[in-house]
Amino acid sequence: ASEWCYNIEHEGTLSSEDQDRLKELLSETFEPEKFGKASFLQGFVLEVGPRQQFTSAWSTNAVSICRSCGLKSVVRIERSERYQVQDQAAADALAPLVHDRMTEMVY
């Protein structure tokens, strides 16, 4: 099993209206019930995503969309992917297969 995880950097506090708008932008169109503040995965999880020192092109586009929708306080959004695995050995075997070491890292 796997899921997306959104890491959002913002200035100040997001109002409940802003949080609803952000949820609408980030949730899957046809499966909104699979979007939540907590992980749906159980047990050991491997998470990979963009290197933290750099802002990805995906983030730049996401922030631009947020600003167009009135979410001016969103500074950065990065998307990582989380995989449910059996143990650390499985995570070590899977990690090189699911990410590019040049642009991504294991969290």
N, C-alpha and C. Protein backbone atom coordinates (compact mmCIF):
# COMPACT_ATOMS: atom_id res chain seq x y z
N ALA A 1 0.85 -1.18 0.00
CA ALA A 1 0.00 0.00 0.00
C ALA A 1 0.89 1.24 0.00
N SER A 2 0.39 2.30 -0.56
CA SER A 2 1.13 3.56 -0.56
C SER A 2 0.16 4.73 -0.49
N GLU A 3 0.71 5.90 -0.17
CA GLU A 3 -0.09 7.11 -0.10
C GLU A 3 0.82 8.32 -0.34
N TRP A 4 0.20 9.43 -0.75
CA TRP A 4 0.91 10.69 -0.87
C TRP A 4 0.88 11.38 0.49
N CYS A 5 1.93 12.14 0.78
CA CYS A 5 1.98 12.97 1.99
C CYS A 5 2.37 14.38 1.55
N TYR A 6 1.60 15.36 1.97
CA TYR A 6 1.88 16.76 1.60
C TYR A 6 2.46 17.49 2.80
N ASN A 7 3.63 18.07 2.62
CA ASN A 7 4.30 18.85 3.65
C ASN A 7 4.15 20.31 3.27
N ILE A 8 3.42 21.06 4.09
CA ILE A 8 3.04 22.42 3.74
C ILE A 8 3.71 23.42 4.66
N GLU A 9 4.42 24.37 4.07
CA GLU A 9 5.00 25.47 4.83
C GLU A 9 4.15 26.71 4.56
N HIS A 10 3.75 27.37 5.64
CA HIS A 10 2.93 28.57 5.48
C HIS A 10 3.31 29.62 6.51
N GLU A 11 2.97 30.84 6.22
CA GLU A 11 3.22 31.95 7.13
C GLU A 11 1.95 32.21 7.92
N GLY A 12 2.07 32.38 9.22
CA GLY A 12 0.90 32.64 10.03
C GLY A 12 0.03 31.41 10.18
N THR A 13 -1.22 31.65 10.53
CA THR A 13 -2.17 30.58 10.75
C THR A 13 -3.13 30.48 9.58
N LEU A 14 -3.43 29.26 9.15
CA LEU A 14 -4.41 29.06 8.08
C LEU A 14 -5.81 29.07 8.69
N SER A 15 -6.68 29.87 8.16
CA SER A 15 -8.07 29.89 8.63
C SER A 15 -8.74 28.57 8.25
N SER A 16 -9.87 28.28 8.86
CA SER A 16 -10.58 27.04 8.51
C SER A 16 -11.02 27.08 7.05
N GLU A 17 -11.35 28.26 6.53
CA GLU A 17 -11.70 28.40 5.12
C GLU A 17 -10.49 28.08 4.23
N ASP A 18 -9.32 28.57 4.62
CA ASP A 18 -8.09 28.28 3.87
C ASP A 18 -7.76 26.79 3.92
N GLN A 19 -7.94 26.17 5.08
CA GLN A 19 -7.69 24.73 5.20
C GLN A 19 -8.64 23.93 4.32
N ASP A 20 -9.90 24.35 4.26
CA ASP A 20 -10.86 23.67 3.38
C ASP A 20 -10.48 23.81 1.92
N ARG A 21 -10.03 25.00 1.53
CA ARG A 21 -9.63 25.24 0.14
C ARG A 21 -8.40 24.40 -0.20
N LEU A 22 -7.46 24.33 0.72
CA LEU A 22 -6.25 23.53 0.52
C LEU A 22 -6.60 22.05 0.41
N LYS A 23 -7.51 21.58 1.25
CA LYS A 23 -7.95 20.19 1.19
C LYS A 23 -8.59 19.89 -0.16
N GLU A 24 -9.39 20.82 -0.65
CA GLU A 24 -10.04 20.65 -1.95
C GLU A 24 -9.02 20.57 -3.07
N LEU A 25 -7.96 21.36 -2.97
CA LEU A 25 -6.91 21.35 -4.00
C LEU A 25 -6.08 20.07 -3.98
N LEU A 26 -5.81 19.55 -2.79
CA LEU A 26 -4.88 18.43 -2.67
C LEU A 26 -5.53 17.05 -2.69
N SER A 27 -6.81 16.96 -2.38
CA SER A 27 -7.45 15.64 -2.31
C SER A 27 -7.76 15.12 -3.71
N GLU A 28 -7.82 13.79 -3.82
CA GLU A 28 -8.14 13.15 -5.08
C GLU A 28 -9.57 13.48 -5.49
N THR A 29 -9.79 13.80 -6.72
CA THR A 29 -11.10 14.20 -7.22
C THR A 29 -12.14 13.10 -7.04
N PHE A 30 -11.77 11.86 -7.35
CA PHE A 30 -12.75 10.78 -7.33
C PHE A 30 -12.75 9.98 -6.03
N GLU A 31 -11.80 10.25 -5.13
CA GLU A 31 -11.73 9.53 -3.86
C GLU A 31 -11.40 10.47 -2.71
N PRO A 32 -12.21 11.48 -2.46
CA PRO A 32 -11.89 12.45 -1.40
C PRO A 32 -11.86 11.83 -0.01
N GLU A 33 -12.52 10.69 0.18
CA GLU A 33 -12.52 10.03 1.49
C GLU A 33 -11.16 9.43 1.84
N LYS A 34 -10.28 9.35 0.86
CA LYS A 34 -8.94 8.82 1.10
C LYS A 34 -7.93 9.92 1.42
N PHE A 35 -8.43 11.09 1.77
CA PHE A 35 -7.57 12.22 2.13
C PHE A 35 -7.80 12.53 3.61
N GLY A 36 -6.72 12.71 4.36
CA GLY A 36 -6.87 13.01 5.78
C GLY A 36 -5.62 13.62 6.37
N LYS A 37 -5.73 14.08 7.60
CA LYS A 37 -4.60 14.69 8.29
C LYS A 37 -3.63 13.64 8.83
N ALA A 38 -4.11 12.41 9.02
CA ALA A 38 -3.27 11.34 9.55
C ALA A 38 -3.06 10.27 8.49
N SER A 39 -2.00 9.52 8.64
CA SER A 39 -1.67 8.46 7.70
C SER A 39 -2.70 7.33 7.76
N PHE A 40 -2.95 6.72 6.62
CA PHE A 40 -3.82 5.56 6.54
C PHE A 40 -3.01 4.26 6.65
N LEU A 41 -1.69 4.38 6.59
CA LEU A 41 -0.82 3.20 6.63
C LEU A 41 -0.56 2.77 8.07
N GLN A 42 -0.44 1.48 8.26
CA GLN A 42 -0.17 0.91 9.58
C GLN A 42 1.19 0.23 9.57
N GLY A 43 1.87 0.24 10.69
CA GLY A 43 3.14 -0.48 10.81
C GLY A 43 4.33 0.32 10.29
N PHE A 44 5.30 -0.38 9.72
CA PHE A 44 6.54 0.22 9.26
C PHE A 44 6.32 0.93 7.92
N VAL A 45 6.77 2.18 7.82
CA VAL A 45 6.53 2.99 6.62
C VAL A 45 7.85 3.55 6.09
N LEU A 46 8.05 3.44 4.79
CA LEU A 46 9.17 4.05 4.08
C LEU A 46 8.63 5.30 3.40
N GLU A 47 9.26 6.45 3.64
CA GLU A 47 8.82 7.70 3.01
C GLU A 47 9.95 8.28 2.18
N VAL A 48 9.65 8.59 0.92
CA VAL A 48 10.64 9.21 0.03
C VAL A 48 10.02 10.45 -0.60
N GLY A 49 10.86 11.45 -0.81
CA GLY A 49 10.36 12.69 -1.41
C GLY A 49 11.51 13.58 -1.83
N PRO A 50 11.20 14.79 -2.25
CA PRO A 50 12.23 15.72 -2.74
C PRO A 50 13.26 16.04 -1.66
N ARG A 51 14.47 16.30 -2.09
CA ARG A 51 15.50 16.73 -1.14
C ARG A 51 15.02 18.00 -0.45
N GLN A 52 15.24 18.07 0.84
CA GLN A 52 14.70 19.17 1.63
C GLN A 52 15.40 20.50 1.39
N GLN A 53 16.62 20.47 0.87
CA GLN A 53 17.39 21.70 0.64
C GLN A 53 16.92 22.46 -0.59
N PHE A 54 16.15 21.81 -1.45
CA PHE A 54 15.75 22.42 -2.72
C PHE A 54 14.24 22.43 -2.84
N THR A 55 13.72 23.43 -3.49
CA THR A 55 12.30 23.50 -3.79
C THR A 55 12.07 22.84 -5.14
N SER A 56 11.18 21.87 -5.18
CA SER A 56 10.92 21.14 -6.43
C SER A 56 10.05 21.96 -7.38
N ALA A 57 10.08 21.58 -8.64
CA ALA A 57 9.22 22.23 -9.64
C ALA A 57 7.75 21.98 -9.29
N TRP A 58 7.45 20.80 -8.77
CA TRP A 58 6.07 20.49 -8.35
C TRP A 58 5.61 21.49 -7.30
N SER A 59 6.49 21.80 -6.33
CA SER A 59 6.15 22.75 -5.28
C SER A 59 5.91 24.15 -5.86
N THR A 60 6.75 24.56 -6.77
CA THR A 60 6.59 25.88 -7.38
C THR A 60 5.24 26.00 -8.06
N ASN A 61 4.85 24.97 -8.79
CA ASN A 61 3.54 24.97 -9.46
C ASN A 61 2.40 24.94 -8.45
N ALA A 62 2.54 24.13 -7.39
CA ALA A 62 1.49 24.02 -6.37
C ALA A 62 1.29 25.35 -5.65
N VAL A 63 2.38 26.03 -5.32
CA VAL A 63 2.28 27.32 -4.65
C VAL A 63 1.63 28.35 -5.57
N SER A 64 1.97 28.31 -6.84
CA SER A 64 1.36 29.21 -7.82
C SER A 64 -0.16 28.99 -7.89
N ILE A 65 -0.58 27.74 -7.88
CA ILE A 65 -2.01 27.42 -7.91
C ILE A 65 -2.67 27.91 -6.62
N CYS A 66 -2.02 27.69 -5.48
CA CYS A 66 -2.56 28.17 -4.21
C CYS A 66 -2.76 29.68 -4.23
N ARG A 67 -1.78 30.40 -4.71
CA ARG A 67 -1.89 31.87 -4.76
C ARG A 67 -3.02 32.31 -5.68
N SER A 68 -3.19 31.60 -6.79
CA SER A 68 -4.29 31.91 -7.72
C SER A 68 -5.65 31.67 -7.08
N CYS A 69 -5.68 30.76 -6.10
CA CYS A 69 -6.93 30.44 -5.40
C CYS A 69 -7.10 31.25 -4.12
N GLY A 70 -6.23 32.21 -3.89
CA GLY A 70 -6.36 33.07 -2.72
C GLY A 70 -5.62 32.61 -1.48
N LEU A 71 -4.84 31.55 -1.58
CA LEU A 71 -4.08 31.05 -0.43
C LEU A 71 -2.70 31.71 -0.42
N LYS A 72 -2.66 32.96 -0.03
CA LYS A 72 -1.43 33.76 -0.10
C LYS A 72 -0.39 33.37 0.94
N SER A 73 -0.79 32.71 2.04
CA SER A 73 0.15 32.39 3.12
C SER A 73 0.94 31.11 2.86
N VAL A 74 0.58 30.33 1.84
CA VAL A 74 1.31 29.10 1.54
C VAL A 74 2.63 29.47 0.85
N VAL A 75 3.74 29.04 1.45
CA VAL A 75 5.07 29.37 0.96
C VAL A 75 5.66 28.21 0.15
N ARG A 76 5.40 26.99 0.61
CA ARG A 76 5.98 25.82 -0.05
C ARG A 76 5.11 24.60 0.25
N ILE A 77 4.94 23.75 -0.75
CA ILE A 77 4.28 22.46 -0.57
C ILE A 77 5.16 21.42 -1.27
N GLU A 78 5.54 20.41 -0.54
CA GLU A 78 6.27 19.31 -1.14
C GLU A 78 5.46 18.04 -0.96
N ARG A 79 5.51 17.18 -1.95
CA ARG A 79 4.76 15.92 -1.91
C ARG A 79 5.73 14.76 -1.83
N SER A 80 5.53 13.91 -0.84
CA SER A 80 6.34 12.71 -0.71
C SER A 80 5.42 11.50 -0.86
N GLU A 81 6.03 10.35 -1.09
CA GLU A 81 5.24 9.13 -1.18
C GLU A 81 5.64 8.20 -0.05
N ARG A 82 4.64 7.63 0.58
CA ARG A 82 4.85 6.73 1.72
C ARG A 82 4.43 5.32 1.33
N TYR A 83 5.28 4.34 1.68
CA TYR A 83 5.03 2.94 1.35
C TYR A 83 4.97 2.12 2.64
N GLN A 84 3.98 1.28 2.75
CA GLN A 84 3.90 0.36 3.88
C GLN A 84 4.76 -0.86 3.56
N VAL A 85 5.72 -1.15 4.43
CA VAL A 85 6.61 -2.28 4.22
C VAL A 85 6.64 -3.15 5.48
N GLN A 86 7.18 -4.34 5.35
CA GLN A 86 7.19 -5.27 6.48
C GLN A 86 8.19 -4.88 7.57
N ASP A 87 9.39 -4.45 7.17
CA ASP A 87 10.44 -4.16 8.15
C ASP A 87 11.53 -3.31 7.50
N GLN A 88 12.59 -3.03 8.25
CA GLN A 88 13.68 -2.20 7.75
C GLN A 88 14.37 -2.84 6.56
N ALA A 89 14.51 -4.15 6.55
CA ALA A 89 15.15 -4.85 5.42
C ALA A 89 14.35 -4.63 4.14
N ALA A 90 13.03 -4.71 4.24
CA ALA A 90 12.17 -4.47 3.07
C ALA A 90 12.28 -3.02 2.62
N ALA A 91 12.36 -2.10 3.58
CA ALA A 91 12.51 -0.67 3.24
C ALA A 91 13.83 -0.43 2.52
N ASP A 92 14.90 -1.06 3.02
CA ASP A 92 16.23 -0.90 2.40
C ASP A 92 16.24 -1.46 0.98
N ALA A 93 15.50 -2.53 0.74
CA ALA A 93 15.45 -3.12 -0.60
C ALA A 93 14.59 -2.29 -1.55
N LEU A 94 13.52 -1.69 -1.03
CA LEU A 94 12.59 -0.92 -1.86
C LEU A 94 13.10 0.49 -2.18
N ALA A 95 13.77 1.10 -1.25
CA ALA A 95 14.18 2.51 -1.39
C ALA A 95 14.88 2.83 -2.71
N PRO A 96 15.90 2.07 -3.13
CA PRO A 96 16.57 2.43 -4.39
C PRO A 96 15.69 2.27 -5.63
N LEU A 97 14.62 1.52 -5.50
CA LEU A 97 13.73 1.27 -6.64
C LEU A 97 12.67 2.36 -6.82
N VAL A 98 12.40 3.13 -5.77
CA VAL A 98 11.28 4.07 -5.82
C VAL A 98 11.69 5.54 -5.75
N HIS A 99 12.98 5.81 -5.76
CA HIS A 99 13.37 7.23 -5.76
C HIS A 99 14.67 7.46 -6.53
N ASP A 100 14.84 8.69 -6.98
CA ASP A 100 16.02 9.12 -7.71
C ASP A 100 16.94 9.81 -6.71
N ARG A 101 18.11 9.23 -6.46
CA ARG A 101 19.03 9.78 -5.45
C ARG A 101 19.50 11.20 -5.77
N MET A 102 19.43 11.60 -7.02
CA MET A 102 19.87 12.95 -7.40
C MET A 102 18.90 14.02 -6.91
N THR A 103 17.62 13.73 -6.94
CA THR A 103 16.62 14.75 -6.62
C THR A 103 15.74 14.42 -5.41
N GLU A 104 15.81 13.16 -4.94
CA GLU A 104 14.96 12.75 -3.84
C GLU A 104 15.77 12.07 -2.74
N MET A 105 15.14 11.91 -1.60
CA MET A 105 15.81 11.27 -0.47
C MET A 105 14.80 10.47 0.35
N VAL A 106 15.32 9.56 1.16
CA VAL A 106 14.49 8.82 2.10
C VAL A 106 14.38 9.68 3.36
N TYR A 107 13.17 9.87 3.86
CA TYR A 107 12.96 10.68 5.08
C TYR A 107 13.07 9.83 6.31
